[in-house]
Amino acid sequence: MPEIKIVTEVAGRVCATPVQVGGTVTDGDEIVLVEAMKMEIPVPSPASGTLKLLLVKIDDLVAEGQAIAIVMS
């Protein structure tokens, strides 16, 4: 089972993590919401699988291109 790194395309502050580690995700599910420029921008899963690791928590600052989670497909 390959591990897939999920990265954010925007810099900002993590404002929500709707999926818990061990939870099942499908392609396109929101893994994290990043607040940037007063907007909440979803970071979707690129594949279906199980959320193995969440690398950020609420209120963390993230940079563009930063890995935020790992999904096992």
PDB file of N, CA and C in Angstrom:
ATOM      1  N   MET A   1       0.840  -1.180   0.000  1.00  0.00           N
ATOM      2  CA  MET A   1       0.000   0.000   0.000  1.00  0.00           C
ATOM      3  C   MET A   1       0.887   1.246   0.000  1.00  0.00           C
ATOM      4  N   PRO A   2       0.804   2.038  -1.043  1.00  0.00           N
ATOM      5  CA  PRO A   2       1.665   3.223  -1.109  1.00  0.00           C
ATOM      6  C   PRO A   2       1.197   4.341  -0.188  1.00  0.00           C
ATOM      7  N   GLU A   3       2.176   5.079   0.321  1.00  0.00           N
ATOM      8  CA  GLU A   3       1.893   6.266   1.118  1.00  0.00           C
ATOM      9  C   GLU A   3       1.840   7.466   0.186  1.00  0.00           C
ATOM     10  N   ILE A   4       0.833   8.309   0.366  1.00  0.00           N
ATOM     11  CA  ILE A   4       0.680   9.506  -0.449  1.00  0.00           C
ATOM     12  C   ILE A   4       0.779  10.714   0.459  1.00  0.00           C
ATOM     13  N   LYS A   5       1.738  11.607   0.165  1.00  0.00           N
ATOM     14  CA  LYS A   5       1.905  12.840   0.920  1.00  0.00           C
ATOM     15  C   LYS A   5       0.923  13.876   0.402  1.00  0.00           C
ATOM     16  N   ILE A   6       0.222  14.522   1.310  1.00  0.00           N
ATOM     17  CA  ILE A   6      -0.696  15.590   0.932  1.00  0.00           C
ATOM     18  C   ILE A   6      -0.024  16.912   1.289  1.00  0.00           C
ATOM     19  N   VAL A   7       0.058  17.816   0.317  1.00  0.00           N
ATOM     20  CA  VAL A   7       0.697  19.114   0.532  1.00  0.00           C
ATOM     21  C   VAL A   7      -0.310  20.234   0.289  1.00  0.00           C
ATOM     22  N   THR A   8      -0.077  21.344   0.967  1.00  0.00           N
ATOM     23  CA  THR A   8      -0.943  22.504   0.792  1.00  0.00           C
ATOM     24  C   THR A   8      -0.403  23.390  -0.324  1.00  0.00           C
ATOM     25  N   GLU A   9      -1.318  23.987  -1.064  1.00  0.00           N
ATOM     26  CA  GLU A   9      -0.922  24.886  -2.155  1.00  0.00           C
ATOM     27  C   GLU A   9      -0.909  26.347  -1.733  1.00  0.00           C
ATOM     28  N   VAL A  10      -1.301  26.614  -0.466  1.00  0.00           N
ATOM     29  CA  VAL A  10      -1.323  27.994   0.031  1.00  0.00           C
ATOM     30  C   VAL A  10      -0.659  28.057   1.402  1.00  0.00           C
ATOM     31  N   ALA A  11      -0.146  29.229   1.723  1.00  0.00           N
ATOM     32  CA  ALA A  11       0.390  29.479   3.057  1.00  0.00           C
ATOM     33  C   ALA A  11      -0.724  30.066   3.907  1.00  0.00           C
ATOM     34  N   GLY A  12      -0.723  29.737   5.178  1.00  0.00           N
ATOM     35  CA  GLY A  12      -1.740  30.285   6.067  1.00  0.00           C
ATOM     36  C   GLY A  12      -1.746  29.558   7.394  1.00  0.00           C
ATOM     37  N   ARG A  13      -2.911  29.628   8.076  1.00  0.00           N
ATOM     38  CA  ARG A  13      -3.074  29.042   9.399  1.00  0.00           C
ATOM     39  C   ARG A  13      -4.074  27.900   9.317  1.00  0.00           C
ATOM     40  N   VAL A  14      -3.744  26.768   9.907  1.00  0.00           N
ATOM     41  CA  VAL A  14      -4.665  25.631   9.940  1.00  0.00           C
ATOM     42  C   VAL A  14      -5.833  25.996  10.852  1.00  0.00           C
ATOM     43  N   CYS A  15      -7.058  25.957  10.298  1.00  0.00           N
ATOM     44  CA  CYS A  15      -8.226  26.338  11.102  1.00  0.00           C
ATOM     45  C   CYS A  15      -9.163  25.168  11.369  1.00  0.00           C
ATOM     46  N   ALA A  16      -8.990  24.040  10.681  1.00  0.00           N
ATOM     47  CA  ALA A  16      -9.819  22.862  10.944  1.00  0.00           C
ATOM     48  C   ALA A  16      -9.147  21.620  10.384  1.00  0.00           C
ATOM     49  N   THR A  17      -9.376  20.509  11.068  1.00  0.00           N
ATOM     50  CA  THR A  17      -8.901  19.202  10.617  1.00  0.00           C
ATOM     51  C   THR A  17     -10.092  18.241  10.706  1.00  0.00           C
ATOM     52  N   PRO A  18     -10.934  18.222   9.656  1.00  0.00           N
ATOM     53  CA  PRO A  18     -12.177  17.458   9.724  1.00  0.00           C
ATOM     54  C   PRO A  18     -12.032  15.931   9.745  1.00  0.00           C
ATOM     55  N   VAL A  19     -10.869  15.399   9.418  1.00  0.00           N
ATOM     56  CA  VAL A  19     -10.676  13.948   9.408  1.00  0.00           C
ATOM     57  C   VAL A  19      -9.665  13.578  10.495  1.00  0.00           C
ATOM     58  N   GLN A  20      -9.976  12.524  11.252  1.00  0.00           N
ATOM     59  CA  GLN A  20      -9.066  12.066  12.295  1.00  0.00           C
ATOM     60  C   GLN A  20      -8.147  10.979  11.759  1.00  0.00           C
ATOM     61  N   VAL A  21      -6.978  10.865  12.367  1.00  0.00           N
ATOM     62  CA  VAL A  21      -6.034   9.805  12.002  1.00  0.00           C
ATOM     63  C   VAL A  21      -6.748   8.461  12.158  1.00  0.00           C
ATOM     64  N   GLY A  22      -6.595   7.615  11.152  1.00  0.00           N
ATOM     65  CA  GLY A  22      -7.257   6.315  11.146  1.00  0.00           C
ATOM     66  C   GLY A  22      -8.577   6.341  10.393  1.00  0.00           C
ATOM     67  N   GLY A  23      -9.044   7.556  10.073  1.00  0.00           N
ATOM     68  CA  GLY A  23     -10.299   7.697   9.345  1.00  0.00           C
ATOM     69  C   GLY A  23     -10.136   7.387   7.865  1.00  0.00           C
ATOM     70  N   THR A  24     -11.241   7.005   7.246  1.00  0.00           N
ATOM     71  CA  THR A  24     -11.251   6.707   5.819  1.00  0.00           C
ATOM     72  C   THR A  24     -11.547   7.976   5.032  1.00  0.00           C
ATOM     73  N   VAL A  25     -10.808   8.192   3.943  1.00  0.00           N
ATOM     74  CA  VAL A  25     -11.034   9.336   3.065  1.00  0.00           C
ATOM     75  C   VAL A  25     -11.221   8.848   1.634  1.00  0.00           C
ATOM     76  N   THR A  26     -11.931   9.637   0.857  1.00  0.00           N
ATOM     77  CA  THR A  26     -12.058   9.350  -0.568  1.00  0.00           C
ATOM     78  C   THR A  26     -11.403  10.485  -1.342  1.00  0.00           C
ATOM     79  N   ASP A  27     -11.134  10.240  -2.589  1.00  0.00           N
ATOM     80  CA  ASP A  27     -10.519  11.245  -3.459  1.00  0.00           C
ATOM     81  C   ASP A  27     -11.336  12.530  -3.402  1.00  0.00           C
ATOM     82  N   GLY A  28     -10.701  13.634  -3.018  1.00  0.00           N
ATOM     83  CA  GLY A  28     -11.364  14.932  -2.966  1.00  0.00           C
ATOM     84  C   GLY A  28     -11.863  15.343  -1.599  1.00  0.00           C
ATOM     85  N   ASP A  29     -11.852  14.422  -0.608  1.00  0.00           N
ATOM     86  CA  ASP A  29     -12.270  14.787   0.747  1.00  0.00           C
ATOM     87  C   ASP A  29     -11.334  15.840   1.326  1.00  0.00           C
ATOM     88  N   GLU A  30     -11.894  16.762   2.104  1.00  0.00           N
ATOM     89  CA  GLU A  30     -11.091  17.788   2.760  1.00  0.00           C
ATOM     90  C   GLU A  30     -10.345  17.171   3.937  1.00  0.00           C
ATOM     91  N   ILE A  31      -9.029  17.329   3.944  1.00  0.00           N
ATOM     92  CA  ILE A  31      -8.192  16.813   5.024  1.00  0.00           C
ATOM     93  C   ILE A  31      -7.936  17.910   6.048  1.00  0.00           C
ATOM     94  N   VAL A  32      -7.668  19.123   5.560  1.00  0.00           N
ATOM     95  CA  VAL A  32      -7.371  20.278   6.401  1.00  0.00           C
ATOM     96  C   VAL A  32      -7.974  21.507   5.738  1.00  0.00           C
ATOM     97  N   LEU A  33      -8.379  22.477   6.561  1.00  0.00           N
ATOM     98  CA  LEU A  33      -8.777  23.785   6.048  1.00  0.00           C
ATOM     99  C   LEU A  33      -7.715  24.785   6.483  1.00  0.00           C
ATOM    100  N   VAL A  34      -7.215  25.558   5.524  1.00  0.00           N
ATOM    101  CA  VAL A  34      -6.189  26.567   5.787  1.00  0.00           C
ATOM    102  C   VAL A  34      -6.819  27.936   5.604  1.00  0.00           C
ATOM    103  N   GLU A  35      -6.677  28.791   6.610  1.00  0.00           N
ATOM    104  CA  GLU A  35      -7.180  30.160   6.526  1.00  0.00           C
ATOM    105  C   GLU A  35      -6.092  31.039   5.925  1.00  0.00           C
ATOM    106  N   ALA A  36      -6.425  31.662   4.804  1.00  0.00           N
ATOM    107  CA  ALA A  36      -5.492  32.557   4.126  1.00  0.00           C
ATOM    108  C   ALA A  36      -6.302  33.703   3.527  1.00  0.00           C
ATOM    109  N   MET A  37      -5.885  34.905   3.762  1.00  0.00           N
ATOM    110  CA  MET A  37      -6.566  36.093   3.227  1.00  0.00           C
ATOM    111  C   MET A  37      -8.049  36.100   3.602  1.00  0.00           C
ATOM    112  N   LYS A  38      -8.351  35.737   4.862  1.00  0.00           N
ATOM    113  CA  LYS A  38      -9.714  35.706   5.406  1.00  0.00           C
ATOM    114  C   LYS A  38     -10.634  34.725   4.693  1.00  0.00           C
ATOM    115  N   MET A  39     -10.050  33.730   4.040  1.00  0.00           N
ATOM    116  CA  MET A  39     -10.822  32.677   3.370  1.00  0.00           C
ATOM    117  C   MET A  39     -10.362  31.331   3.916  1.00  0.00           C
ATOM    118  N   GLU A  40     -11.275  30.369   3.974  1.00  0.00           N
ATOM    119  CA  GLU A  40     -10.918  29.012   4.361  1.00  0.00           C
ATOM    120  C   GLU A  40     -10.734  28.188   3.093  1.00  0.00           C
ATOM    121  N   ILE A  41      -9.524  27.723   2.880  1.00  0.00           N
ATOM    122  CA  ILE A  41      -9.180  26.999   1.658  1.00  0.00           C
ATOM    123  C   ILE A  41      -8.975  25.525   2.004  1.00  0.00           C
ATOM    124  N   PRO A  42      -9.767  24.640   1.389  1.00  0.00           N
ATOM    125  CA  PRO A  42      -9.628  23.215   1.696  1.00  0.00           C
ATOM    126  C   PRO A  42      -8.395  22.606   1.029  1.00  0.00           C
ATOM    127  N   VAL A  43      -7.784  21.674   1.730  1.00  0.00           N
ATOM    128  CA  VAL A  43      -6.698  20.879   1.169  1.00  0.00           C
ATOM    129  C   VAL A  43      -7.269  19.474   0.994  1.00  0.00           C
ATOM    130  N   PRO A  44      -7.534  19.064  -0.252  1.00  0.00           N
ATOM    131  CA  PRO A  44      -8.194  17.773  -0.487  1.00  0.00           C
ATOM    132  C   PRO A  44      -7.213  16.602  -0.558  1.00  0.00           C
ATOM    133  N   SER A  45      -7.745  15.434  -0.325  1.00  0.00           N
ATOM    134  CA  SER A  45      -6.971  14.203  -0.505  1.00  0.00           C
ATOM    135  C   SER A  45      -6.922  13.887  -1.998  1.00  0.00           C
ATOM    136  N   PRO A  46      -5.749  13.557  -2.534  1.00  0.00           N
ATOM    137  CA  PRO A  46      -5.646  13.217  -3.956  1.00  0.00           C
ATOM    138  C   PRO A  46      -6.030  11.765  -4.266  1.00  0.00           C
ATOM    139  N   ALA A  47      -6.320  10.987  -3.202  1.00  0.00           N
ATOM    140  CA  ALA A  47      -6.644   9.567  -3.410  1.00  0.00           C
ATOM    141  C   ALA A  47      -7.492   9.058  -2.252  1.00  0.00           C
ATOM    142  N   SER A  48      -8.138   7.940  -2.479  1.00  0.00           N
ATOM    143  CA  SER A  48      -8.907   7.283  -1.419  1.00  0.00           C
ATOM    144  C   SER A  48      -7.964   6.425  -0.577  1.00  0.00           C
ATOM    145  N   GLY A  49      -8.306   6.286   0.704  1.00  0.00           N
ATOM    146  CA  GLY A  49      -7.505   5.450   1.587  1.00  0.00           C
ATOM    147  C   GLY A  49      -7.779   5.764   3.039  1.00  0.00           C
ATOM    148  N   THR A  50      -6.773   5.540   3.868  1.00  0.00           N
ATOM    149  CA  THR A  50      -6.861   5.776   5.304  1.00  0.00           C
ATOM    150  C   THR A  50      -5.866   6.861   5.680  1.00  0.00           C
ATOM    151  N   LEU A  51      -6.308   7.826   6.498  1.00  0.00           N
ATOM    152  CA  LEU A  51      -5.414   8.884   6.966  1.00  0.00           C
ATOM    153  C   LEU A  51      -4.456   8.266   7.982  1.00  0.00           C
ATOM    154  N   LYS A  52      -3.196   8.139   7.592  1.00  0.00           N
ATOM    155  CA  LYS A  52      -2.196   7.495   8.440  1.00  0.00           C
ATOM    156  C   LYS A  52      -1.593   8.467   9.442  1.00  0.00           C
ATOM    157  N   LEU A  53      -1.338   9.699   8.995  1.00  0.00           N
ATOM    158  CA  LEU A  53      -0.632  10.654   9.842  1.00  0.00           C
ATOM    159  C   LEU A  53      -1.071  12.061   9.488  1.00  0.00           C
ATOM    160  N   LEU A  54      -1.339  12.867  10.502  1.00  0.00           N
ATOM    161  CA  LEU A  54      -1.657  14.279  10.321  1.00  0.00           C
ATOM    162  C   LEU A  54      -0.456  15.045  10.858  1.00  0.00           C
ATOM    163  N   LEU A  55       0.211  15.806  10.003  1.00  0.00           N
ATOM    164  CA  LEU A  55       1.466  16.461  10.360  1.00  0.00           C
ATOM    165  C   LEU A  55       1.287  17.867  10.917  1.00  0.00           C
ATOM    166  N   VAL A  56       0.050  18.348  10.994  1.00  0.00           N
ATOM    167  CA  VAL A  56      -0.241  19.681  11.504  1.00  0.00           C
ATOM    168  C   VAL A  56      -1.386  19.595  12.510  1.00  0.00           C
ATOM    169  N   LYS A  57      -1.544  20.668  13.292  1.00  0.00           N
ATOM    170  CA  LYS A  57      -2.681  20.763  14.205  1.00  0.00           C
ATOM    171  C   LYS A  57      -3.293  22.154  14.060  1.00  0.00           C
ATOM    172  N   ILE A  58      -4.457  22.344  14.636  1.00  0.00           N
ATOM    173  CA  ILE A  58      -5.152  23.628  14.536  1.00  0.00           C
ATOM    174  C   ILE A  58      -4.254  24.742  15.075  1.00  0.00           C
ATOM    175  N   ASP A  59      -4.252  25.861  14.372  1.00  0.00           N
ATOM    176  CA  ASP A  59      -3.469  27.083  14.648  1.00  0.00           C
ATOM    177  C   ASP A  59      -2.018  27.005  14.190  1.00  0.00           C
ATOM    178  N   ASP A  60      -1.568  25.885  13.631  1.00  0.00           N
ATOM    179  CA  ASP A  60      -0.223  25.829  13.047  1.00  0.00           C
ATOM    180  C   ASP A  60      -0.175  26.711  11.804  1.00  0.00           C
ATOM    181  N   LEU A  61       0.965  27.350  11.589  1.00  0.00           N
ATOM    182  CA  LEU A  61       1.195  28.090  10.351  1.00  0.00           C
ATOM    183  C   LEU A  61       1.850  27.144   9.357  1.00  0.00           C
ATOM    184  N   VAL A  62       1.344  27.150   8.118  1.00  0.00           N
ATOM    185  CA  VAL A  62       1.889  26.273   7.082  1.00  0.00           C
ATOM    186  C   VAL A  62       2.375  27.109   5.903  1.00  0.00           C
ATOM    187  N   ALA A  63       3.362  26.588   5.208  1.00  0.00           N
ATOM    188  CA  ALA A  63       3.921  27.243   4.029  1.00  0.00           C
ATOM    189  C   ALA A  63       3.408  26.558   2.779  1.00  0.00           C
ATOM    190  N   GLU A  64       3.403  27.277   1.680  1.00  0.00           N
ATOM    191  CA  GLU A  64       3.020  26.691   0.390  1.00  0.00           C
ATOM    192  C   GLU A  64       3.930  25.499   0.093  1.00  0.00           C
ATOM    193  N   GLY A  65       3.346  24.371  -0.285  1.00  0.00           N
ATOM    194  CA  GLY A  65       4.118  23.178  -0.609  1.00  0.00           C
ATOM    195  C   GLY A  65       4.493  22.315   0.584  1.00  0.00           C
ATOM    196  N   GLN A  66       4.041  22.699   1.777  1.00  0.00           N
ATOM    197  CA  GLN A  66       4.354  21.928   2.975  1.00  0.00           C
ATOM    198  C   GLN A  66       3.492  20.671   3.065  1.00  0.00           C
ATOM    199  N   ALA A  67       4.107  19.554   3.453  1.00  0.00           N
ATOM    200  CA  ALA A  67       3.344  18.323   3.676  1.00  0.00           C
ATOM    201  C   ALA A  67       2.518  18.488   4.946  1.00  0.00           C
ATOM    202  N   ILE A  68       1.227  18.112   4.842  1.00  0.00           N
ATOM    203  CA  ILE A  68       0.335  18.268   5.993  1.00  0.00           C
ATOM    204  C   ILE A  68      -0.227  16.936   6.493  1.00  0.00           C
ATOM    205  N   ALA A  69      -0.194  15.916   5.647  1.00  0.00           N
ATOM    206  CA  ALA A  69      -0.759  14.627   6.034  1.00  0.00           C
ATOM    207  C   ALA A  69      -0.226  13.526   5.127  1.00  0.00           C
ATOM    208  N   ILE A  70      -0.424  12.281   5.585  1.00  0.00           N
ATOM    209  CA  ILE A  70      -0.061  11.115   4.775  1.00  0.00           C
ATOM    210  C   ILE A  70      -1.257  10.170   4.747  1.00  0.00           C
ATOM    211  N   VAL A  71      -1.624   9.759   3.532  1.00  0.00           N
ATOM    212  CA  VAL A  71      -2.723   8.821   3.332  1.00  0.00           C
ATOM    213  C   VAL A  71      -2.155   7.530   2.783  1.00  0.00           C
ATOM    214  N   MET A  72      -2.654   6.406   3.285  1.00  0.00           N
ATOM    215  CA  MET A  72      -2.299   5.080   2.758  1.00  0.00           C
ATOM    216  C   MET A  72      -3.422   4.673   1.811  1.00  0.00           C
ATOM    217  N   SER A  73      -3.085   4.421   0.552  1.00  0.00           N
ATOM    218  CA  SER A  73      -4.145   4.040  -0.402  1.00  0.00           C
ATOM    219  C   SER A  73      -4.219   2.546  -0.575  1.00  0.00           C
TER     220      SER A  73
END
